N, C-alpha and C. Protein backbone atom coordinates (compact mmCIF):
# COMPACT_ATOMS: atom_id res chain seq x y z
N UNK A 1 83.95 70.19 134.42
CA UNK A 1 85.01 69.97 133.46
C UNK A 1 84.79 70.94 132.30
N UNK A 2 85.86 71.47 131.80
CA UNK A 2 85.74 72.39 130.67
C UNK A 2 86.93 72.24 129.75
N UNK A 3 86.76 72.76 128.54
CA UNK A 3 87.81 72.69 127.53
C UNK A 3 87.52 73.76 126.49
N UNK A 4 88.57 74.40 125.99
CA UNK A 4 88.42 75.37 124.91
C UNK A 4 89.21 74.86 123.71
N UNK A 5 88.52 74.74 122.58
CA UNK A 5 89.16 74.27 121.35
C UNK A 5 89.22 75.45 120.39
N UNK A 6 90.43 75.73 119.90
CA UNK A 6 90.64 76.88 119.01
C UNK A 6 91.22 76.41 117.68
N UNK A 7 90.67 76.95 116.61
CA UNK A 7 91.15 76.67 115.26
C UNK A 7 92.47 77.39 115.06
N UNK A 8 93.46 76.67 114.59
CA UNK A 8 94.77 77.27 114.32
C UNK A 8 95.01 77.41 112.83
N UNK A 9 94.00 77.12 112.03
CA UNK A 9 94.17 77.05 110.58
C UNK A 9 93.90 78.32 109.81
N UNK A 10 94.11 79.47 110.41
CA UNK A 10 93.91 80.72 109.69
C UNK A 10 94.91 80.81 108.54
N UNK A 11 94.64 81.70 107.61
CA UNK A 11 95.49 81.87 106.43
C UNK A 11 96.96 82.03 106.82
N UNK A 12 97.82 81.32 106.12
CA UNK A 12 99.24 81.43 106.36
C UNK A 12 99.79 80.41 107.35
N UNK A 13 98.93 79.59 107.95
CA UNK A 13 99.44 78.57 108.87
C UNK A 13 99.73 77.29 108.10
N UNK A 14 100.43 76.39 108.74
CA UNK A 14 100.86 75.16 108.07
C UNK A 14 99.69 74.26 107.70
N UNK A 15 98.70 74.10 108.59
CA UNK A 15 97.56 73.24 108.32
C UNK A 15 96.27 74.06 108.39
N UNK A 16 95.45 73.92 107.37
CA UNK A 16 94.19 74.66 107.34
C UNK A 16 93.14 74.10 108.27
N UNK A 17 93.35 72.90 108.81
CA UNK A 17 92.35 72.29 109.70
C UNK A 17 92.97 71.84 111.02
N UNK A 18 93.88 72.64 111.55
CA UNK A 18 94.49 72.35 112.85
C UNK A 18 93.69 72.98 113.97
N UNK A 19 93.69 72.32 115.12
CA UNK A 19 92.99 72.82 116.30
C UNK A 19 93.85 72.55 117.53
N UNK A 20 93.71 73.38 118.54
CA UNK A 20 94.38 73.18 119.81
C UNK A 20 93.31 73.21 120.89
N UNK A 21 93.31 72.17 121.73
CA UNK A 21 92.39 72.11 122.85
C UNK A 21 93.16 72.47 124.11
N UNK A 22 92.61 73.37 124.89
CA UNK A 22 93.17 73.73 126.19
C UNK A 22 92.18 73.24 127.24
N UNK A 23 92.63 72.30 128.07
CA UNK A 23 91.73 71.68 129.04
C UNK A 23 91.63 72.51 130.31
N UNK A 24 90.58 72.26 131.05
CA UNK A 24 90.38 72.96 132.31
C UNK A 24 91.48 72.67 133.32
N UNK A 25 92.18 71.54 133.16
CA UNK A 25 93.28 71.21 134.07
C UNK A 25 94.60 71.80 133.61
N UNK A 26 94.56 72.60 132.55
CA UNK A 26 95.74 73.33 132.12
C UNK A 26 96.63 72.63 131.10
N UNK A 27 96.11 71.62 130.42
CA UNK A 27 96.90 70.90 129.43
C UNK A 27 96.48 71.26 128.02
N UNK A 28 97.39 71.03 127.07
CA UNK A 28 97.15 71.38 125.68
C UNK A 28 97.23 70.12 124.83
N UNK A 29 96.30 69.98 123.90
CA UNK A 29 96.25 68.85 122.99
C UNK A 29 96.05 69.37 121.58
N UNK A 30 96.94 69.00 120.67
CA UNK A 30 96.81 69.40 119.27
C UNK A 30 96.00 68.35 118.52
N UNK A 31 95.23 68.81 117.55
CA UNK A 31 94.47 67.93 116.66
C UNK A 31 94.58 68.49 115.25
N UNK A 32 94.46 67.60 114.25
CA UNK A 32 94.52 68.03 112.85
C UNK A 32 93.61 67.15 112.03
N UNK A 33 93.15 67.68 110.93
CA UNK A 33 92.32 66.92 110.02
C UNK A 33 93.16 66.10 109.06
N UNK A 34 92.50 65.18 108.39
CA UNK A 34 93.16 64.37 107.37
C UNK A 34 93.35 65.24 106.12
N UNK A 35 94.42 64.99 105.38
CA UNK A 35 94.58 65.70 104.10
C UNK A 35 93.40 65.42 103.17
N UNK A 36 93.02 66.40 102.40
CA UNK A 36 91.91 66.27 101.44
C UNK A 36 92.47 66.59 100.06
N UNK A 37 92.78 65.55 99.28
CA UNK A 37 93.38 65.75 97.96
C UNK A 37 92.46 66.52 97.02
N UNK A 38 91.14 66.29 97.14
CA UNK A 38 90.19 66.96 96.25
C UNK A 38 90.06 68.44 96.56
N UNK A 39 90.22 68.82 97.83
CA UNK A 39 90.09 70.22 98.22
C UNK A 39 91.09 70.48 99.36
N UNK A 40 92.37 70.69 99.02
CA UNK A 40 93.41 70.85 100.04
C UNK A 40 93.12 71.93 101.08
N UNK A 41 92.39 72.97 100.73
CA UNK A 41 92.09 74.04 101.68
C UNK A 41 91.19 73.55 102.81
N UNK A 42 90.44 72.49 102.57
CA UNK A 42 89.54 71.95 103.59
C UNK A 42 90.14 70.80 104.37
N UNK A 43 91.37 70.44 104.06
CA UNK A 43 92.00 69.30 104.72
C UNK A 43 93.11 69.74 105.65
N UNK A 44 93.55 68.80 106.44
CA UNK A 44 94.67 69.04 107.34
C UNK A 44 95.97 68.58 106.72
N UNK A 45 97.01 68.54 107.55
CA UNK A 45 98.33 68.14 107.09
C UNK A 45 98.85 66.93 107.85
N UNK A 46 97.97 66.24 108.56
CA UNK A 46 98.36 65.06 109.31
C UNK A 46 99.45 65.37 110.34
N UNK A 47 99.32 66.51 111.00
CA UNK A 47 100.33 66.95 111.98
C UNK A 47 100.02 66.49 113.41
N UNK A 48 98.82 65.98 113.63
CA UNK A 48 98.39 65.59 114.97
C UNK A 48 97.25 64.59 114.82
N UNK A 49 96.81 63.97 115.92
CA UNK A 49 95.69 63.03 115.82
C UNK A 49 94.41 63.71 115.35
N UNK A 50 93.56 62.92 114.72
CA UNK A 50 92.23 63.41 114.34
C UNK A 50 91.39 63.52 115.61
N UNK A 51 90.39 64.37 115.62
CA UNK A 51 89.53 64.48 116.80
C UNK A 51 88.91 63.15 117.23
N UNK A 52 88.44 62.33 116.28
CA UNK A 52 87.84 61.05 116.67
C UNK A 52 88.88 60.07 117.20
N UNK A 53 90.13 60.20 116.77
CA UNK A 53 91.19 59.38 117.35
C UNK A 53 91.39 59.74 118.82
N UNK A 54 91.25 61.01 119.14
CA UNK A 54 91.41 61.42 120.54
C UNK A 54 90.26 60.90 121.40
N UNK A 55 89.06 60.79 120.81
CA UNK A 55 87.93 60.19 121.53
C UNK A 55 88.24 58.73 121.85
N UNK A 56 88.75 58.00 120.85
CA UNK A 56 89.10 56.60 121.05
C UNK A 56 90.23 56.45 122.07
N UNK A 57 91.25 57.30 121.96
CA UNK A 57 92.37 57.25 122.91
C UNK A 57 91.92 57.57 124.32
N UNK A 58 91.05 58.56 124.46
CA UNK A 58 90.54 58.92 125.78
C UNK A 58 89.74 57.78 126.40
N UNK A 59 89.00 57.07 125.58
CA UNK A 59 88.23 55.93 126.07
C UNK A 59 89.17 54.83 126.55
N UNK A 60 90.24 54.60 125.79
CA UNK A 60 91.23 53.61 126.21
C UNK A 60 91.89 53.99 127.51
N UNK A 61 92.21 55.27 127.66
CA UNK A 61 92.82 55.74 128.90
C UNK A 61 91.88 55.61 130.07
N UNK A 62 90.62 55.91 129.85
CA UNK A 62 89.61 55.84 130.91
C UNK A 62 89.46 54.41 131.42
N UNK A 63 89.32 53.46 130.51
CA UNK A 63 89.10 52.08 130.93
C UNK A 63 90.37 51.44 131.49
N UNK A 64 91.54 51.74 130.93
CA UNK A 64 92.79 51.19 131.46
C UNK A 64 93.03 51.70 132.87
N UNK A 65 92.73 52.97 133.11
CA UNK A 65 92.84 53.56 134.44
C UNK A 65 91.99 52.76 135.43
N UNK A 66 90.74 52.50 135.03
CA UNK A 66 89.84 51.74 135.90
C UNK A 66 90.38 50.35 136.20
N UNK A 67 90.83 49.66 135.16
CA UNK A 67 91.30 48.28 135.34
C UNK A 67 92.48 48.24 136.30
N UNK A 68 93.44 49.12 136.12
CA UNK A 68 94.60 49.16 137.03
C UNK A 68 94.15 49.47 138.46
N UNK A 69 93.30 50.48 138.62
CA UNK A 69 92.85 50.86 139.96
C UNK A 69 92.07 49.74 140.64
N UNK A 70 91.19 49.08 139.91
CA UNK A 70 90.41 47.98 140.48
C UNK A 70 91.33 46.83 140.90
N UNK A 71 92.30 46.50 140.06
CA UNK A 71 93.23 45.42 140.41
C UNK A 71 94.09 45.81 141.62
N UNK A 72 94.56 47.06 141.65
CA UNK A 72 95.37 47.50 142.80
C UNK A 72 94.54 47.49 144.08
N UNK A 73 93.30 47.94 143.99
CA UNK A 73 92.44 47.93 145.18
C UNK A 73 92.16 46.50 145.66
N UNK A 74 92.21 45.55 144.73
CA UNK A 74 92.04 44.14 145.08
C UNK A 74 93.33 43.51 145.57
N UNK A 75 94.35 44.36 145.75
CA UNK A 75 95.66 43.94 146.26
C UNK A 75 96.38 42.96 145.33
N UNK A 76 96.13 43.12 144.04
CA UNK A 76 96.82 42.29 143.06
C UNK A 76 98.12 42.98 142.64
N UNK A 77 99.12 42.21 142.33
CA UNK A 77 100.45 42.72 141.96
C UNK A 77 100.48 43.04 140.46
N UNK A 78 99.76 44.10 140.09
CA UNK A 78 99.71 44.52 138.69
C UNK A 78 100.95 45.37 138.37
N UNK A 79 101.61 45.04 137.27
CA UNK A 79 102.85 45.73 136.91
C UNK A 79 102.79 46.40 135.56
N UNK A 80 101.74 46.14 134.82
CA UNK A 80 101.59 46.79 133.52
C UNK A 80 100.20 46.56 132.99
N UNK A 81 99.73 47.50 132.18
CA UNK A 81 98.42 47.37 131.55
C UNK A 81 98.41 48.21 130.28
N UNK A 82 98.02 47.60 129.20
CA UNK A 82 97.80 48.34 127.96
C UNK A 82 96.51 47.85 127.34
N UNK A 83 95.92 48.67 126.52
CA UNK A 83 94.70 48.27 125.82
C UNK A 83 94.81 48.76 124.37
N UNK A 84 94.58 47.85 123.44
CA UNK A 84 94.60 48.17 122.01
C UNK A 84 93.15 48.25 121.55
N UNK A 85 92.76 49.41 121.05
CA UNK A 85 91.40 49.62 120.60
C UNK A 85 91.35 49.59 119.08
N UNK A 86 90.45 48.80 118.54
CA UNK A 86 90.18 48.80 117.10
C UNK A 86 88.71 49.16 116.94
N UNK A 87 88.41 49.89 115.88
CA UNK A 87 87.04 50.38 115.76
C UNK A 87 86.57 50.40 114.32
N UNK A 88 85.25 50.47 114.20
CA UNK A 88 84.59 50.70 112.92
C UNK A 88 83.66 51.88 113.12
N UNK A 89 83.50 52.66 112.04
CA UNK A 89 82.62 53.83 112.10
C UNK A 89 81.56 53.73 111.02
N UNK A 90 80.46 54.43 111.22
CA UNK A 90 79.40 54.48 110.23
C UNK A 90 79.95 55.06 108.93
N UNK A 91 79.42 54.62 107.81
CA UNK A 91 79.89 55.07 106.50
C UNK A 91 79.39 56.47 106.15
N UNK A 92 78.28 56.89 106.77
CA UNK A 92 77.70 58.19 106.46
C UNK A 92 77.68 59.07 107.71
N UNK A 93 77.56 60.37 107.49
CA UNK A 93 77.51 61.32 108.59
C UNK A 93 76.24 61.14 109.41
N UNK A 94 76.29 61.25 110.70
CA UNK A 94 77.50 61.40 111.50
C UNK A 94 78.22 60.06 111.59
N UNK A 95 79.49 60.07 111.38
CA UNK A 95 80.28 58.83 111.33
C UNK A 95 80.65 58.37 112.73
N UNK A 96 79.61 57.98 113.46
CA UNK A 96 79.79 57.53 114.85
C UNK A 96 80.50 56.18 114.86
N UNK A 97 81.09 55.85 116.00
CA UNK A 97 81.65 54.51 116.16
C UNK A 97 80.50 53.52 116.21
N UNK A 98 80.62 52.43 115.46
CA UNK A 98 79.60 51.38 115.47
C UNK A 98 80.10 50.11 116.14
N UNK A 99 81.41 49.88 116.11
CA UNK A 99 82.01 48.72 116.77
C UNK A 99 83.35 49.15 117.35
N UNK A 100 83.61 48.72 118.57
CA UNK A 100 84.90 48.96 119.22
C UNK A 100 85.31 47.67 119.92
N UNK A 101 86.52 47.22 119.66
CA UNK A 101 87.05 46.08 120.41
C UNK A 101 88.23 46.57 121.22
N UNK A 102 88.25 46.20 122.49
CA UNK A 102 89.34 46.57 123.39
C UNK A 102 90.05 45.30 123.83
N UNK A 103 91.31 45.18 123.45
CA UNK A 103 92.11 44.01 123.82
C UNK A 103 93.15 44.47 124.85
N UNK A 104 92.96 44.03 126.08
CA UNK A 104 93.82 44.40 127.19
C UNK A 104 94.99 43.43 127.30
N UNK A 105 96.14 43.94 127.68
CA UNK A 105 97.26 43.11 128.09
C UNK A 105 97.64 43.56 129.49
N UNK A 106 97.44 42.67 130.45
CA UNK A 106 97.73 42.96 131.84
C UNK A 106 98.93 42.12 132.27
N UNK A 107 99.92 42.78 132.82
CA UNK A 107 101.12 42.11 133.30
C UNK A 107 101.15 42.20 134.82
N UNK A 108 101.48 41.09 135.46
CA UNK A 108 101.56 41.10 136.91
C UNK A 108 102.04 39.77 137.43
N UNK A 109 102.06 39.68 138.73
CA UNK A 109 102.53 38.47 139.39
C UNK A 109 101.37 37.82 140.12
N UNK A 110 101.01 36.62 139.67
CA UNK A 110 99.98 35.84 140.35
C UNK A 110 98.58 36.41 140.27
N UNK A 111 98.27 37.18 139.25
CA UNK A 111 96.91 37.75 139.13
C UNK A 111 95.99 36.69 138.53
N UNK A 112 94.91 36.36 139.21
CA UNK A 112 93.97 35.38 138.66
C UNK A 112 93.24 35.96 137.43
N UNK A 113 93.07 35.17 136.39
CA UNK A 113 92.32 35.66 135.21
C UNK A 113 90.94 36.19 135.58
N UNK A 114 90.29 35.58 136.54
CA UNK A 114 88.95 36.04 136.94
C UNK A 114 88.99 37.47 137.48
N UNK A 115 90.09 37.87 138.11
CA UNK A 115 90.20 39.24 138.64
C UNK A 115 90.31 40.24 137.50
N UNK A 116 91.05 39.88 136.45
CA UNK A 116 91.17 40.77 135.29
C UNK A 116 89.82 40.88 134.59
N UNK A 117 89.17 39.75 134.40
CA UNK A 117 87.86 39.74 133.76
C UNK A 117 86.87 40.60 134.54
N UNK A 118 86.89 40.48 135.85
CA UNK A 118 86.00 41.26 136.71
C UNK A 118 86.32 42.75 136.62
N UNK A 119 87.61 43.10 136.63
CA UNK A 119 88.00 44.52 136.55
C UNK A 119 87.54 45.14 135.23
N UNK A 120 87.70 44.41 134.14
CA UNK A 120 87.26 44.92 132.83
C UNK A 120 85.75 45.09 132.82
N UNK A 121 85.04 44.10 133.33
CA UNK A 121 83.57 44.18 133.37
C UNK A 121 83.10 45.34 134.24
N UNK A 122 83.72 45.53 135.39
CA UNK A 122 83.32 46.64 136.26
C UNK A 122 83.56 47.98 135.58
N UNK A 123 84.68 48.10 134.87
CA UNK A 123 84.96 49.34 134.16
C UNK A 123 83.86 49.62 133.15
N UNK A 124 83.50 48.62 132.36
CA UNK A 124 82.54 48.83 131.27
C UNK A 124 81.10 48.89 131.72
N UNK A 125 80.81 48.34 132.87
CA UNK A 125 79.42 48.35 133.35
C UNK A 125 79.13 49.49 134.32
N UNK A 126 80.17 50.00 135.00
CA UNK A 126 79.90 50.95 136.08
C UNK A 126 80.76 52.20 136.07
N UNK A 127 82.05 52.09 135.77
CA UNK A 127 82.96 53.20 136.04
C UNK A 127 83.42 54.03 134.83
N UNK A 128 83.66 53.43 133.70
CA UNK A 128 84.25 54.16 132.57
C UNK A 128 83.19 54.97 131.82
N UNK A 129 83.13 56.25 132.14
CA UNK A 129 82.14 57.13 131.52
C UNK A 129 82.25 57.13 130.01
N UNK A 130 83.48 57.12 129.50
CA UNK A 130 83.69 57.20 128.05
C UNK A 130 83.16 55.97 127.34
N UNK A 131 83.50 54.78 127.82
CA UNK A 131 83.04 53.58 127.12
C UNK A 131 81.54 53.37 127.29
N UNK A 132 81.00 53.74 128.43
CA UNK A 132 79.55 53.64 128.64
C UNK A 132 78.83 54.59 127.68
N UNK A 133 79.38 55.78 127.49
CA UNK A 133 78.79 56.74 126.56
C UNK A 133 78.87 56.22 125.12
N UNK A 134 80.05 55.73 124.72
CA UNK A 134 80.21 55.22 123.36
C UNK A 134 79.38 53.96 123.12
N UNK A 135 79.10 53.23 124.19
CA UNK A 135 78.27 52.04 124.08
C UNK A 135 76.85 52.34 123.64
N UNK A 136 76.46 53.61 123.64
CA UNK A 136 75.12 54.00 123.16
C UNK A 136 75.02 53.88 121.64
N UNK A 137 76.15 53.95 120.93
CA UNK A 137 76.13 53.84 119.47
C UNK A 137 76.97 52.68 118.95
N UNK A 138 77.87 52.18 119.77
CA UNK A 138 78.81 51.15 119.30
C UNK A 138 78.65 49.86 120.10
N UNK A 139 78.83 48.75 119.40
CA UNK A 139 78.93 47.46 120.07
C UNK A 139 80.36 47.37 120.59
N UNK A 140 80.52 47.27 121.91
CA UNK A 140 81.85 47.22 122.50
C UNK A 140 82.12 45.80 122.98
N UNK A 141 83.23 45.25 122.51
CA UNK A 141 83.67 43.93 122.94
C UNK A 141 85.04 44.06 123.58
N UNK A 142 85.35 43.11 124.44
CA UNK A 142 86.64 43.14 125.13
C UNK A 142 87.27 41.75 125.15
N UNK A 143 88.57 41.75 125.33
CA UNK A 143 89.32 40.53 125.53
C UNK A 143 90.56 40.89 126.32
N UNK A 144 91.26 39.88 126.81
CA UNK A 144 92.49 40.20 127.55
C UNK A 144 93.50 39.07 127.46
N UNK A 145 94.75 39.47 127.57
CA UNK A 145 95.88 38.56 127.71
C UNK A 145 96.51 38.88 129.06
N UNK A 146 96.85 37.84 129.79
CA UNK A 146 97.47 38.00 131.09
C UNK A 146 98.90 37.49 131.00
N UNK A 147 99.86 38.36 131.31
CA UNK A 147 101.27 38.03 131.21
C UNK A 147 101.85 37.96 132.62
N UNK A 148 102.44 36.83 132.93
CA UNK A 148 103.06 36.66 134.25
C UNK A 148 104.41 37.38 134.28
N UNK A 149 104.60 38.23 135.28
CA UNK A 149 105.84 39.01 135.37
C UNK A 149 106.84 38.32 136.27
C-alpha cells in the first residue's frame, strides 16, 4: 500500500496548510489544517477534513466494512450499517487518541443481537487493522443499536 501526500499551501494559494493525498489505488483525498487566529500563515482555511479526522473516519470505515461482511457471511439479512465515532485526544503533543467510542447502528431483518455483538468483537479483536492499531494508545469502547427493517 502506498500514498503520496503533497502540500498545496504554497504562496498565493487559498489555504496555507492544505494537503492532497494520492492513494496507490488512484484516489485523491484533500486535507486542511484548522485556522490559526494567532498566526494565520500557519493555519488552514477549514476547506477539508483535518488529517486526524481522516484517521478516525478511516477507522470507522474499516470496522463498519468488517461488521457488514461478517454479518453477510453469516447469512444475516443486513440492510444498513453506520458507526458514529467520538474521541478524545491527549492535551499535549503528540496529541494521540486516548479514548474512542464507536456506536454502531445496524439495520436488518431478523438479525440476532448476539450476531451483531460477535461481528463487532471479531472486527476489533482480529480483523480491523485500524482500530487494533489505535487501540495501542486509545481505550476503545463499542455499543450498538439494532433496527428491524
